[in-house]
């Protein structure tokens, strides 16, 4: 990745990474953004409870035994906290339905 970029957008990809790599990638994205640049991520996140996870699977007509083993889901709150910790501002979740969430953060102006 060679920046700086005004925006970095990801969609249903980062949840396949190990949690440590997710955190490192968010920091790499922050470093590559222009001041005022935005990172937006439409992502598959962990449900806060097992019951809600099963509700999500049922909504998609997926049996628990047929779940994608490459999913490495992490709580939305953890990921939002990481973005703030890294230095992103205006961090927020703009839309969420069960385990699907659109969240973003902006690199502060210089």
PDB file of N, CA and C in Angstrom:
ATOM      1  N   UNK A   1       0.851  -1.167   0.000  1.00  0.00           N
ATOM      2  CA  UNK A   1       0.000   0.000   0.000  1.00  0.00           C
ATOM      3  C   UNK A   1       0.902   1.237   0.000  1.00  0.00           C
ATOM      4  N   UNK A   2       0.695   2.118  -0.944  1.00  0.00           N
ATOM      5  CA  UNK A   2       1.463   3.354  -1.015  1.00  0.00           C
ATOM      6  C   UNK A   2       0.489   4.517  -0.962  1.00  0.00           C
ATOM      7  N   UNK A   3       0.570   5.301   0.052  1.00  0.00           N
ATOM      8  CA  UNK A   3      -0.361   6.414   0.252  1.00  0.00           C
ATOM      9  C   UNK A   3       0.331   7.725  -0.012  1.00  0.00           C
ATOM     10  N   UNK A   4      -0.235   8.795   0.403  1.00  0.00           N
ATOM     11  CA  UNK A   4      -1.429   8.810   1.249  1.00  0.00           C
ATOM     12  C   UNK A   4      -2.720   8.681   0.422  1.00  0.00           C
ATOM     13  N   UNK A   5      -3.759   8.190   1.092  1.00  0.00           N
ATOM     14  CA  UNK A   5      -5.068   8.005   0.482  1.00  0.00           C
ATOM     15  C   UNK A   5      -6.093   8.866   1.193  1.00  0.00           C
ATOM     16  N   UNK A   6      -7.076   9.330   0.451  1.00  0.00           N
ATOM     17  CA  UNK A   6      -8.187  10.080   1.053  1.00  0.00           C
ATOM     18  C   UNK A   6      -9.197   9.136   1.694  1.00  0.00           C
ATOM     19  N   UNK A   7      -9.258   7.902   1.209  1.00  0.00           N
ATOM     20  CA  UNK A   7     -10.189   6.918   1.762  1.00  0.00           C
ATOM     21  C   UNK A   7      -9.639   5.514   1.567  1.00  0.00           C
ATOM     22  N   UNK A   8      -9.903   4.679   2.531  1.00  0.00           N
ATOM     23  CA  UNK A   8      -9.644   3.248   2.438  1.00  0.00           C
ATOM     24  C   UNK A   8     -10.952   2.574   2.813  1.00  0.00           C
ATOM     25  N   UNK A   9     -11.422   1.672   1.954  1.00  0.00           N
ATOM     26  CA  UNK A   9     -12.704   1.005   2.156  1.00  0.00           C
ATOM     27  C   UNK A   9     -12.483  -0.502   2.095  1.00  0.00           C
ATOM     28  N   UNK A  10     -13.081  -1.215   3.031  1.00  0.00           N
ATOM     29  CA  UNK A  10     -13.011  -2.665   3.044  1.00  0.00           C
ATOM     30  C   UNK A  10     -14.419  -3.228   3.221  1.00  0.00           C
ATOM     31  N   UNK A  11     -14.639  -4.382   2.628  1.00  0.00           N
ATOM     32  CA  UNK A  11     -15.961  -4.994   2.696  1.00  0.00           C
ATOM     33  C   UNK A  11     -15.816  -6.509   2.861  1.00  0.00           C
ATOM     34  N   UNK A  12     -16.209  -6.994   4.014  1.00  0.00           N
ATOM     35  CA  UNK A  12     -16.252  -8.433   4.309  1.00  0.00           C
ATOM     36  C   UNK A  12     -14.937  -9.151   4.007  1.00  0.00           C
ATOM     37  N   UNK A  13     -13.839  -8.582   4.453  1.00  0.00           N
ATOM     38  CA  UNK A  13     -12.529  -9.198   4.242  1.00  0.00           C
ATOM     39  C   UNK A  13     -11.735  -9.320   5.538  1.00  0.00           C
ATOM     40  N   UNK A  14     -11.702  -8.274   6.322  1.00  0.00           N
ATOM     41  CA  UNK A  14     -10.816  -8.211   7.485  1.00  0.00           C
ATOM     42  C   UNK A  14     -11.183  -9.241   8.547  1.00  0.00           C
ATOM     43  N   UNK A  15     -12.429  -9.672   8.587  1.00  0.00           N
ATOM     44  CA  UNK A  15     -12.845 -10.643   9.623  1.00  0.00           C
ATOM     45  C   UNK A  15     -12.192 -12.018   9.439  1.00  0.00           C
ATOM     46  N   UNK A  16     -11.514 -12.231   8.348  1.00  0.00           N
ATOM     47  CA  UNK A  16     -10.798 -13.497   8.142  1.00  0.00           C
ATOM     48  C   UNK A  16      -9.387 -13.467   8.745  1.00  0.00           C
ATOM     49  N   UNK A  17      -8.950 -12.308   9.196  1.00  0.00           N
ATOM     50  CA  UNK A  17      -7.604 -12.173   9.777  1.00  0.00           C
ATOM     51  C   UNK A  17      -7.608 -12.500  11.269  1.00  0.00           C
ATOM     52  N   UNK A  18      -6.459 -12.960  11.767  1.00  0.00           N
ATOM     53  CA  UNK A  18      -6.306 -13.130  13.212  1.00  0.00           C
ATOM     54  C   UNK A  18      -6.459 -11.756  13.863  1.00  0.00           C
ATOM     55  N   UNK A  19      -6.912 -11.742  15.105  1.00  0.00           N
ATOM     56  CA  UNK A  19      -7.200 -10.474  15.779  1.00  0.00           C
ATOM     57  C   UNK A  19      -5.977  -9.559  15.839  1.00  0.00           C
ATOM     58  N   UNK A  20      -4.800 -10.136  16.094  1.00  0.00           N
ATOM     59  CA  UNK A  20      -3.589  -9.309  16.163  1.00  0.00           C
ATOM     60  C   UNK A  20      -3.332  -8.638  14.817  1.00  0.00           C
ATOM     61  N   UNK A  21      -3.582  -9.352  13.736  1.00  0.00           N
ATOM     62  CA  UNK A  21      -3.370  -8.802  12.393  1.00  0.00           C
ATOM     63  C   UNK A  21      -4.392  -7.726  12.082  1.00  0.00           C
ATOM     64  N   UNK A  22      -5.638  -7.913  12.542  1.00  0.00           N
ATOM     65  CA  UNK A  22      -6.661  -6.878  12.354  1.00  0.00           C
ATOM     66  C   UNK A  22      -6.158  -5.556  12.950  1.00  0.00           C
ATOM     67  N   UNK A  23      -5.708  -5.638  14.207  1.00  0.00           N
ATOM     68  CA  UNK A  23      -5.247  -4.432  14.896  1.00  0.00           C
ATOM     69  C   UNK A  23      -4.082  -3.793  14.138  1.00  0.00           C
ATOM     70  N   UNK A  24      -3.124  -4.598  13.722  1.00  0.00           N
ATOM     71  CA  UNK A  24      -1.965  -4.076  12.978  1.00  0.00           C
ATOM     72  C   UNK A  24      -2.406  -3.457  11.656  1.00  0.00           C
ATOM     73  N   UNK A  25      -3.350  -4.083  10.968  1.00  0.00           N
ATOM     74  CA  UNK A  25      -3.837  -3.545   9.690  1.00  0.00           C
ATOM     75  C   UNK A  25      -4.510  -2.196   9.888  1.00  0.00           C
ATOM     76  N   UNK A  26      -5.314  -2.069  10.936  1.00  0.00           N
ATOM     77  CA  UNK A  26      -5.961  -0.778  11.202  1.00  0.00           C
ATOM     78  C   UNK A  26      -4.903   0.313  11.400  1.00  0.00           C
ATOM     79  N   UNK A  27      -3.821  -0.013  12.095  1.00  0.00           N
ATOM     80  CA  UNK A  27      -2.733   0.960  12.294  1.00  0.00           C
ATOM     81  C   UNK A  27      -2.040   1.289  10.974  1.00  0.00           C
ATOM     82  N   UNK A  28      -1.839   0.280  10.116  1.00  0.00           N
ATOM     83  CA  UNK A  28      -1.234   0.514   8.799  1.00  0.00           C
ATOM     84  C   UNK A  28      -2.125   1.408   7.941  1.00  0.00           C
ATOM     85  N   UNK A  29      -3.419   1.182   7.999  1.00  0.00           N
ATOM     86  CA  UNK A  29      -4.365   2.014   7.243  1.00  0.00           C
ATOM     87  C   UNK A  29      -4.292   3.451   7.734  1.00  0.00           C
ATOM     88  N   UNK A  30      -4.294   3.629   9.061  1.00  0.00           N
ATOM     89  CA  UNK A  30      -4.203   4.974   9.634  1.00  0.00           C
ATOM     90  C   UNK A  30      -2.963   5.698   9.125  1.00  0.00           C
ATOM     91  N   UNK A  31      -1.839   4.997   9.101  1.00  0.00           N
ATOM     92  CA  UNK A  31      -0.578   5.600   8.659  1.00  0.00           C
ATOM     93  C   UNK A  31      -0.622   6.010   7.190  1.00  0.00           C
ATOM     94  N   UNK A  32      -1.414   5.326   6.383  1.00  0.00           N
ATOM     95  CA  UNK A  32      -1.472   5.598   4.947  1.00  0.00           C
ATOM     96  C   UNK A  32      -2.532   6.628   4.550  1.00  0.00           C
ATOM     97  N   UNK A  33      -3.383   7.023   5.506  1.00  0.00           N
ATOM     98  CA  UNK A  33      -4.422   8.000   5.189  1.00  0.00           C
ATOM     99  C   UNK A  33      -3.873   9.423   5.194  1.00  0.00           C
ATOM    100  N   UNK A  34      -4.404  10.249   4.306  1.00  0.00           N
ATOM    101  CA  UNK A  34      -4.132  11.685   4.336  1.00  0.00           C
ATOM    102  C   UNK A  34      -4.829  12.275   5.558  1.00  0.00           C
ATOM    103  N   UNK A  35      -4.341  13.386   6.082  1.00  0.00           N
ATOM    104  CA  UNK A  35      -5.092  14.054   7.144  1.00  0.00           C
ATOM    105  C   UNK A  35      -6.524  14.324   6.655  1.00  0.00           C
ATOM    106  N   UNK A  36      -7.478  13.971   7.484  1.00  0.00           N
ATOM    107  CA  UNK A  36      -8.888  14.108   7.108  1.00  0.00           C
ATOM    108  C   UNK A  36      -9.420  12.907   6.347  1.00  0.00           C
ATOM    109  N   UNK A  37      -8.541  11.948   6.013  1.00  0.00           N
ATOM    110  CA  UNK A  37      -8.965  10.761   5.275  1.00  0.00           C
ATOM    111  C   UNK A  37      -9.817   9.839   6.127  1.00  0.00           C
ATOM    112  N   UNK A  38     -10.615   9.030   5.455  1.00  0.00           N
ATOM    113  CA  UNK A  38     -11.558   8.162   6.155  1.00  0.00           C
ATOM    114  C   UNK A  38     -11.284   6.692   5.862  1.00  0.00           C
ATOM    115  N   UNK A  39     -11.488   5.866   6.877  1.00  0.00           N
ATOM    116  CA  UNK A  39     -11.469   4.415   6.743  1.00  0.00           C
ATOM    117  C   UNK A  39     -12.880   3.930   7.018  1.00  0.00           C
ATOM    118  N   UNK A  40     -13.456   3.181   6.078  1.00  0.00           N
ATOM    119  CA  UNK A  40     -14.795   2.611   6.244  1.00  0.00           C
ATOM    120  C   UNK A  40     -14.710   1.106   6.050  1.00  0.00           C
ATOM    121  N   UNK A  41     -15.384   0.384   6.938  1.00  0.00           N
ATOM    122  CA  UNK A  41     -15.316  -1.069   6.915  1.00  0.00           C
ATOM    123  C   UNK A  41     -16.717  -1.654   7.100  1.00  0.00           C
ATOM    124  N   UNK A  42     -17.207  -2.339   6.075  1.00  0.00           N
ATOM    125  CA  UNK A  42     -18.444  -3.115   6.182  1.00  0.00           C
ATOM    126  C   UNK A  42     -18.002  -4.523   6.522  1.00  0.00           C
ATOM    127  N   UNK A  43     -18.383  -5.003   7.699  1.00  0.00           N
ATOM    128  CA  UNK A  43     -17.728  -6.192   8.226  1.00  0.00           C
ATOM    129  C   UNK A  43     -18.670  -7.139   8.946  1.00  0.00           C
ATOM    130  N   UNK A  44     -18.230  -8.372   9.048  1.00  0.00           N
ATOM    131  CA  UNK A  44     -18.880  -9.416   9.825  1.00  0.00           C
ATOM    132  C   UNK A  44     -18.224  -9.380  11.198  1.00  0.00           C
ATOM    133  N   UNK A  45     -19.014  -9.090  12.242  1.00  0.00           N
ATOM    134  CA  UNK A  45     -18.497  -8.959  13.603  1.00  0.00           C
ATOM    135  C   UNK A  45     -19.130 -10.017  14.505  1.00  0.00           C
ATOM    136  N   UNK A  46     -18.553 -10.212  15.662  1.00  0.00           N
ATOM    137  CA  UNK A  46     -19.059 -11.214  16.604  1.00  0.00           C
ATOM    138  C   UNK A  46     -20.330 -10.728  17.284  1.00  0.00           C
ATOM    139  N   UNK A  47     -21.241 -11.655  17.503  1.00  0.00           N
ATOM    140  CA  UNK A  47     -22.420 -11.374  18.321  1.00  0.00           C
ATOM    141  C   UNK A  47     -22.006 -11.332  19.786  1.00  0.00           C
ATOM    142  N   UNK A  48     -22.707 -10.535  20.598  1.00  0.00           N
ATOM    143  CA  UNK A  48     -22.357 -10.491  22.021  1.00  0.00           C
ATOM    144  C   UNK A  48     -22.746 -11.748  22.793  1.00  0.00           C
ATOM    145  N   UNK A  49     -23.667 -12.561  22.237  1.00  0.00           N
ATOM    146  CA  UNK A  49     -24.067 -13.798  22.914  1.00  0.00           C
ATOM    147  C   UNK A  49     -24.192 -14.926  21.895  1.00  0.00           C
ATOM    148  N   UNK A  50     -24.110 -16.131  22.395  1.00  0.00           N
ATOM    149  CA  UNK A  50     -24.276 -17.307  21.541  1.00  0.00           C
ATOM    150  C   UNK A  50     -25.684 -17.367  20.949  1.00  0.00           C
ATOM    151  N   UNK A  51     -26.684 -16.960  21.746  1.00  0.00           N
ATOM    152  CA  UNK A  51     -28.064 -16.960  21.250  1.00  0.00           C
ATOM    153  C   UNK A  51     -28.217 -16.011  20.061  1.00  0.00           C
ATOM    154  N   UNK A  52     -27.608 -14.839  20.145  1.00  0.00           N
ATOM    155  CA  UNK A  52     -27.686 -13.895  19.029  1.00  0.00           C
ATOM    156  C   UNK A  52     -26.913 -14.413  17.819  1.00  0.00           C
ATOM    157  N   UNK A  53     -25.828 -15.110  18.067  1.00  0.00           N
ATOM    158  CA  UNK A  53     -25.082 -15.703  16.956  1.00  0.00           C
ATOM    159  C   UNK A  53     -25.966 -16.725  16.227  1.00  0.00           C
ATOM    160  N   UNK A  54     -26.656 -17.556  16.978  1.00  0.00           N
ATOM    161  CA  UNK A  54     -27.540 -18.547  16.350  1.00  0.00           C
ATOM    162  C   UNK A  54     -28.712 -17.878  15.635  1.00  0.00           C
ATOM    163  N   UNK A  55     -29.180 -16.749  16.164  1.00  0.00           N
ATOM    164  CA  UNK A  55     -30.234 -15.987  15.477  1.00  0.00           C
ATOM    165  C   UNK A  55     -29.727 -15.482  14.127  1.00  0.00           C
ATOM    166  N   UNK A  56     -28.491 -14.992  14.095  1.00  0.00           N
ATOM    167  CA  UNK A  56     -27.896 -14.534  12.842  1.00  0.00           C
ATOM    168  C   UNK A  56     -27.806 -15.676  11.838  1.00  0.00           C
ATOM    169  N   UNK A  57     -27.291 -16.807  12.283  1.00  0.00           N
ATOM    170  CA  UNK A  57     -27.176 -17.957  11.385  1.00  0.00           C
ATOM    171  C   UNK A  57     -28.547 -18.372  10.858  1.00  0.00           C
ATOM    172  N   UNK A  58     -29.541 -18.404  11.726  1.00  0.00           N
ATOM    173  CA  UNK A  58     -30.899 -18.783  11.310  1.00  0.00           C
ATOM    174  C   UNK A  58     -31.456 -17.793  10.289  1.00  0.00           C
ATOM    175  N   UNK A  59     -31.168 -16.515  10.474  1.00  0.00           N
ATOM    176  CA  UNK A  59     -31.648 -15.498   9.525  1.00  0.00           C
ATOM    177  C   UNK A  59     -31.062 -15.709   8.136  1.00  0.00           C
ATOM    178  N   UNK A  60     -29.873 -16.302   8.085  1.00  0.00           N
ATOM    179  CA  UNK A  60     -29.222 -16.583   6.806  1.00  0.00           C
ATOM    180  C   UNK A  60     -29.451 -18.026   6.339  1.00  0.00           C
ATOM    181  N   UNK A  61     -30.225 -18.771   7.124  1.00  0.00           N
ATOM    182  CA  UNK A  61     -30.491 -20.186   6.826  1.00  0.00           C
ATOM    183  C   UNK A  61     -29.190 -21.001   6.766  1.00  0.00           C
ATOM    184  N   UNK A  62     -28.287 -20.724   7.709  1.00  0.00           N
ATOM    185  CA  UNK A  62     -27.022 -21.442   7.817  1.00  0.00           C
ATOM    186  C   UNK A  62     -27.053 -22.261   9.104  1.00  0.00           C
ATOM    187  N   UNK A  63     -26.758 -23.529   8.997  1.00  0.00           N
ATOM    188  CA  UNK A  63     -26.669 -24.376  10.188  1.00  0.00           C
ATOM    189  C   UNK A  63     -25.321 -24.127  10.856  1.00  0.00           C
ATOM    190  N   UNK A  64     -25.266 -24.186  12.196  1.00  0.00           N
ATOM    191  CA  UNK A  64     -23.990 -23.963  12.887  1.00  0.00           C
ATOM    192  C   UNK A  64     -22.856 -24.831  12.352  1.00  0.00           C
ATOM    193  N   UNK A  65     -23.143 -26.057  11.982  1.00  0.00           N
ATOM    194  CA  UNK A  65     -22.087 -26.940  11.474  1.00  0.00           C
ATOM    195  C   UNK A  65     -21.602 -26.548  10.083  1.00  0.00           C
ATOM    196  N   UNK A  66     -22.334 -25.654   9.415  1.00  0.00           N
ATOM    197  CA  UNK A  66     -21.941 -25.200   8.079  1.00  0.00           C
ATOM    198  C   UNK A  66     -21.284 -23.820   8.080  1.00  0.00           C
ATOM    199  N   UNK A  67     -20.977 -23.311   9.261  1.00  0.00           N
ATOM    200  CA  UNK A  67     -20.326 -21.999   9.352  1.00  0.00           C
ATOM    201  C   UNK A  67     -18.980 -22.012   8.656  1.00  0.00           C
ATOM    202  N   UNK A  68     -18.585 -20.876   8.137  1.00  0.00           N
ATOM    203  CA  UNK A  68     -17.295 -20.731   7.473  1.00  0.00           C
ATOM    204  C   UNK A  68     -16.182 -20.799   8.524  1.00  0.00           C
ATOM    205  N   UNK A  69     -15.340 -21.798   8.465  1.00  0.00           N
ATOM    206  CA  UNK A  69     -14.275 -21.925   9.474  1.00  0.00           C
ATOM    207  C   UNK A  69     -13.202 -20.839   9.371  1.00  0.00           C
ATOM    208  N   UNK A  70     -13.195 -20.099   8.286  1.00  0.00           N
ATOM    209  CA  UNK A  70     -12.188 -19.037   8.157  1.00  0.00           C
ATOM    210  C   UNK A  70     -12.605 -17.753   8.882  1.00  0.00           C
ATOM    211  N   UNK A  71     -13.843 -17.684   9.358  1.00  0.00           N
ATOM    212  CA  UNK A  71     -14.292 -16.503  10.100  1.00  0.00           C
ATOM    213  C   UNK A  71     -13.569 -16.416  11.437  1.00  0.00           C
ATOM    214  N   UNK A  72     -13.023 -15.240  11.727  1.00  0.00           N
ATOM    215  CA  UNK A  72     -12.387 -14.966  13.011  1.00  0.00           C
ATOM    216  C   UNK A  72     -13.046 -13.692  13.538  1.00  0.00           C
ATOM    217  N   UNK A  73     -14.245 -13.882  14.070  1.00  0.00           N
ATOM    218  CA  UNK A  73     -15.081 -12.746  14.431  1.00  0.00           C
ATOM    219  C   UNK A  73     -14.634 -12.101  15.739  1.00  0.00           C
ATOM    220  N   UNK A  74     -14.767 -10.790  15.776  1.00  0.00           N
ATOM    221  CA  UNK A  74     -14.376  -9.997  16.933  1.00  0.00           C
ATOM    222  C   UNK A  74     -15.485  -8.990  17.219  1.00  0.00           C
ATOM    223  N   UNK A  75     -15.700  -8.701  18.471  1.00  0.00           N
ATOM    224  CA  UNK A  75     -16.756  -7.768  18.872  1.00  0.00           C
ATOM    225  C   UNK A  75     -16.568  -6.397  18.217  1.00  0.00           C
ATOM    226  N   UNK A  76     -17.655  -5.809  17.816  1.00  0.00           N
ATOM    227  CA  UNK A  76     -17.639  -4.470  17.226  1.00  0.00           C
ATOM    228  C   UNK A  76     -17.034  -3.461  18.197  1.00  0.00           C
ATOM    229  N   UNK A  77     -17.439  -3.521  19.468  1.00  0.00           N
ATOM    230  CA  UNK A  77     -16.921  -2.564  20.449  1.00  0.00           C
ATOM    231  C   UNK A  77     -15.398  -2.613  20.544  1.00  0.00           C
ATOM    232  N   UNK A  78     -14.833  -3.795  20.473  1.00  0.00           N
ATOM    233  CA  UNK A  78     -13.377  -3.933  20.524  1.00  0.00           C
ATOM    234  C   UNK A  78     -12.742  -3.234  19.329  1.00  0.00           C
ATOM    235  N   UNK A  79     -13.308  -3.432  18.153  1.00  0.00           N
ATOM    236  CA  UNK A  79     -12.735  -2.831  16.949  1.00  0.00           C
ATOM    237  C   UNK A  79     -12.875  -1.304  16.971  1.00  0.00           C
ATOM    238  N   UNK A  80     -13.995  -0.798  17.462  1.00  0.00           N
ATOM    239  CA  UNK A  80     -14.153   0.652  17.578  1.00  0.00           C
ATOM    240  C   UNK A  80     -13.142   1.220  18.569  1.00  0.00           C
ATOM    241  N   UNK A  81     -12.931   0.515  19.666  1.00  0.00           N
ATOM    242  CA  UNK A  81     -11.929   0.952  20.655  1.00  0.00           C
ATOM    243  C   UNK A  81     -10.530   0.974  20.056  1.00  0.00           C
ATOM    244  N   UNK A  82     -10.213  -0.058  19.273  1.00  0.00           N
ATOM    245  CA  UNK A  82      -8.902  -0.090  18.618  1.00  0.00           C
ATOM    246  C   UNK A  82      -8.703   1.114  17.716  1.00  0.00           C
ATOM    247  N   UNK A  83      -9.729   1.452  16.920  1.00  0.00           N
ATOM    248  CA  UNK A  83      -9.594   2.600  16.015  1.00  0.00           C
ATOM    249  C   UNK A  83      -9.315   3.869  16.808  1.00  0.00           C
ATOM    250  N   UNK A  84     -10.033   4.076  17.908  1.00  0.00           N
ATOM    251  CA  UNK A  84      -9.805   5.265  18.744  1.00  0.00           C
ATOM    252  C   UNK A  84      -8.398   5.247  19.328  1.00  0.00           C
ATOM    253  N   UNK A  85      -7.980   4.088  19.823  1.00  0.00           N
ATOM    254  CA  UNK A  85      -6.651   3.928  20.418  1.00  0.00           C
ATOM    255  C   UNK A  85      -5.543   4.236  19.404  1.00  0.00           C
ATOM    256  N   UNK A  86      -5.736   3.849  18.167  1.00  0.00           N
ATOM    257  CA  UNK A  86      -4.756   4.078  17.100  1.00  0.00           C
ATOM    258  C   UNK A  86      -4.661   5.558  16.755  1.00  0.00           C
ATOM    259  N   UNK A  87      -5.744   6.306  16.964  1.00  0.00           N
ATOM    260  CA  UNK A  87      -5.722   7.744  16.680  1.00  0.00           C
ATOM    261  C   UNK A  87      -6.835   8.227  15.784  1.00  0.00           C
ATOM    262  N   UNK A  88      -7.688   7.328  15.297  1.00  0.00           N
ATOM    263  CA  UNK A  88      -8.820   7.748  14.478  1.00  0.00           C
ATOM    264  C   UNK A  88      -9.757   8.615  15.304  1.00  0.00           C
ATOM    265  N   UNK A  89     -10.368   9.594  14.661  1.00  0.00           N
ATOM    266  CA  UNK A  89     -11.399  10.416  15.297  1.00  0.00           C
ATOM    267  C   UNK A  89     -12.739  10.097  14.633  1.00  0.00           C
ATOM    268  N   UNK A  90     -13.792  10.634  15.193  1.00  0.00           N
ATOM    269  CA  UNK A  90     -15.149  10.446  14.645  1.00  0.00           C
ATOM    270  C   UNK A  90     -15.462   8.969  14.412  1.00  0.00           C
ATOM    271  N   UNK A  91     -14.943   8.097  15.278  1.00  0.00           N
ATOM    272  CA  UNK A  91     -15.180   6.658  15.149  1.00  0.00           C
ATOM    273  C   UNK A  91     -16.635   6.371  15.515  1.00  0.00           C
ATOM    274  N   UNK A  92     -17.303   5.632  14.640  1.00  0.00           N
ATOM    275  CA  UNK A  92     -18.711   5.330  14.894  1.00  0.00           C
ATOM    276  C   UNK A  92     -19.144   4.115  14.095  1.00  0.00           C
ATOM    277  N   UNK A  93     -20.209   3.490  14.558  1.00  0.00           N
ATOM    278  CA  UNK A  93     -20.897   2.449  13.799  1.00  0.00           C
ATOM    279  C   UNK A  93     -22.107   3.126  13.169  1.00  0.00           C
ATOM    280  N   UNK A  94     -22.190   3.108  11.854  1.00  0.00           N
ATOM    281  CA  UNK A  94     -23.241   3.814  11.132  1.00  0.00           C
ATOM    282  C   UNK A  94     -24.448   2.936  10.836  1.00  0.00           C
ATOM    283  N   UNK A  95     -24.234   1.627  10.831  1.00  0.00           N
ATOM    284  CA  UNK A  95     -25.318   0.681  10.549  1.00  0.00           C
ATOM    285  C   UNK A  95     -24.926  -0.668  11.099  1.00  0.00           C
ATOM    286  N   UNK A  96     -25.907  -1.365  11.680  1.00  0.00           N
ATOM    287  CA  UNK A  96     -25.646  -2.715  12.181  1.00  0.00           C
ATOM    288  C   UNK A  96     -26.917  -3.533  12.091  1.00  0.00           C
ATOM    289  N   UNK A  97     -26.771  -4.760  11.617  1.00  0.00           N
ATOM    290  CA  UNK A  97     -27.848  -5.747  11.640  1.00  0.00           C
ATOM    291  C   UNK A  97     -27.224  -7.050  12.086  1.00  0.00           C
ATOM    292  N   UNK A  98     -27.584  -7.476  13.292  1.00  0.00           N
ATOM    293  CA  UNK A  98     -27.045  -8.699  13.879  1.00  0.00           C
ATOM    294  C   UNK A  98     -25.516  -8.698  13.808  1.00  0.00           C
ATOM    295  N   UNK A  99     -24.906  -9.525  12.974  1.00  0.00           N
ATOM    296  CA  UNK A  99     -23.439  -9.611  12.920  1.00  0.00           C
ATOM    297  C   UNK A  99     -22.828  -8.828  11.758  1.00  0.00           C
ATOM    298  N   UNK A 100     -23.593  -7.981  11.123  1.00  0.00           N
ATOM    299  CA  UNK A 100     -23.075  -7.168  10.019  1.00  0.00           C
ATOM    300  C   UNK A 100     -23.049  -5.713  10.473  1.00  0.00           C
ATOM    301  N   UNK A 101     -21.917  -5.045  10.256  1.00  0.00           N
ATOM    302  CA  UNK A 101     -21.778  -3.677  10.742  1.00  0.00           C
ATOM    303  C   UNK A 101     -20.953  -2.833   9.769  1.00  0.00           C
ATOM    304  N   UNK A 102     -21.359  -1.585   9.637  1.00  0.00           N
ATOM    305  CA  UNK A 102     -20.589  -0.598   8.875  1.00  0.00           C
ATOM    306  C   UNK A 102     -20.040   0.401   9.891  1.00  0.00           C
ATOM    307  N   UNK A 103     -18.715   0.445   9.987  1.00  0.00           N
ATOM    308  CA  UNK A 103     -18.102   1.382  10.920  1.00  0.00           C
ATOM    309  C   UNK A 103     -16.954   2.113  10.244  1.00  0.00           C
ATOM    310  N   UNK A 104     -16.612   3.268  10.821  1.00  0.00           N
ATOM    311  CA  UNK A 104     -15.575   4.086  10.195  1.00  0.00           C
ATOM    312  C   UNK A 104     -14.863   4.948  11.220  1.00  0.00           C
ATOM    313  N   UNK A 105     -13.768   5.522  10.755  1.00  0.00           N
ATOM    314  CA  UNK A 105     -13.019   6.496  11.530  1.00  0.00           C
ATOM    315  C   UNK A 105     -12.286   7.417  10.566  1.00  0.00           C
ATOM    316  N   UNK A 106     -11.954   8.587  11.051  1.00  0.00           N
ATOM    317  CA  UNK A 106     -11.282   9.593  10.225  1.00  0.00           C
ATOM    318  C   UNK A 106      -9.925   9.911  10.847  1.00  0.00           C
ATOM    319  N   UNK A 107      -8.935  10.108   9.995  1.00  0.00           N
ATOM    320  CA  UNK A 107      -7.629  10.561  10.485  1.00  0.00           C
ATOM    321  C   UNK A 107      -7.734  12.061  10.741  1.00  0.00           C
ATOM    322  N   UNK A 108      -7.392  12.520  11.931  1.00  0.00           N
ATOM    323  CA  UNK A 108      -7.514  13.941  12.222  1.00  0.00           C
ATOM    324  C   UNK A 108      -6.698  14.792  11.238  1.00  0.00           C
ATOM    325  N   UNK A 109      -7.178  16.011  11.031  1.00  0.00           N
ATOM    326  CA  UNK A 109      -6.436  16.973  10.194  1.00  0.00           C
ATOM    327  C   UNK A 109      -5.094  17.244  10.852  1.00  0.00           C
ATOM    328  N   UNK A 110      -4.097  17.585  10.042  1.00  0.00           N
ATOM    329  CA  UNK A 110      -2.734  17.820  10.560  1.00  0.00           C
ATOM    330  C   UNK A 110      -2.696  18.963  11.541  1.00  0.00           C
TER     331      UNK A 110
END
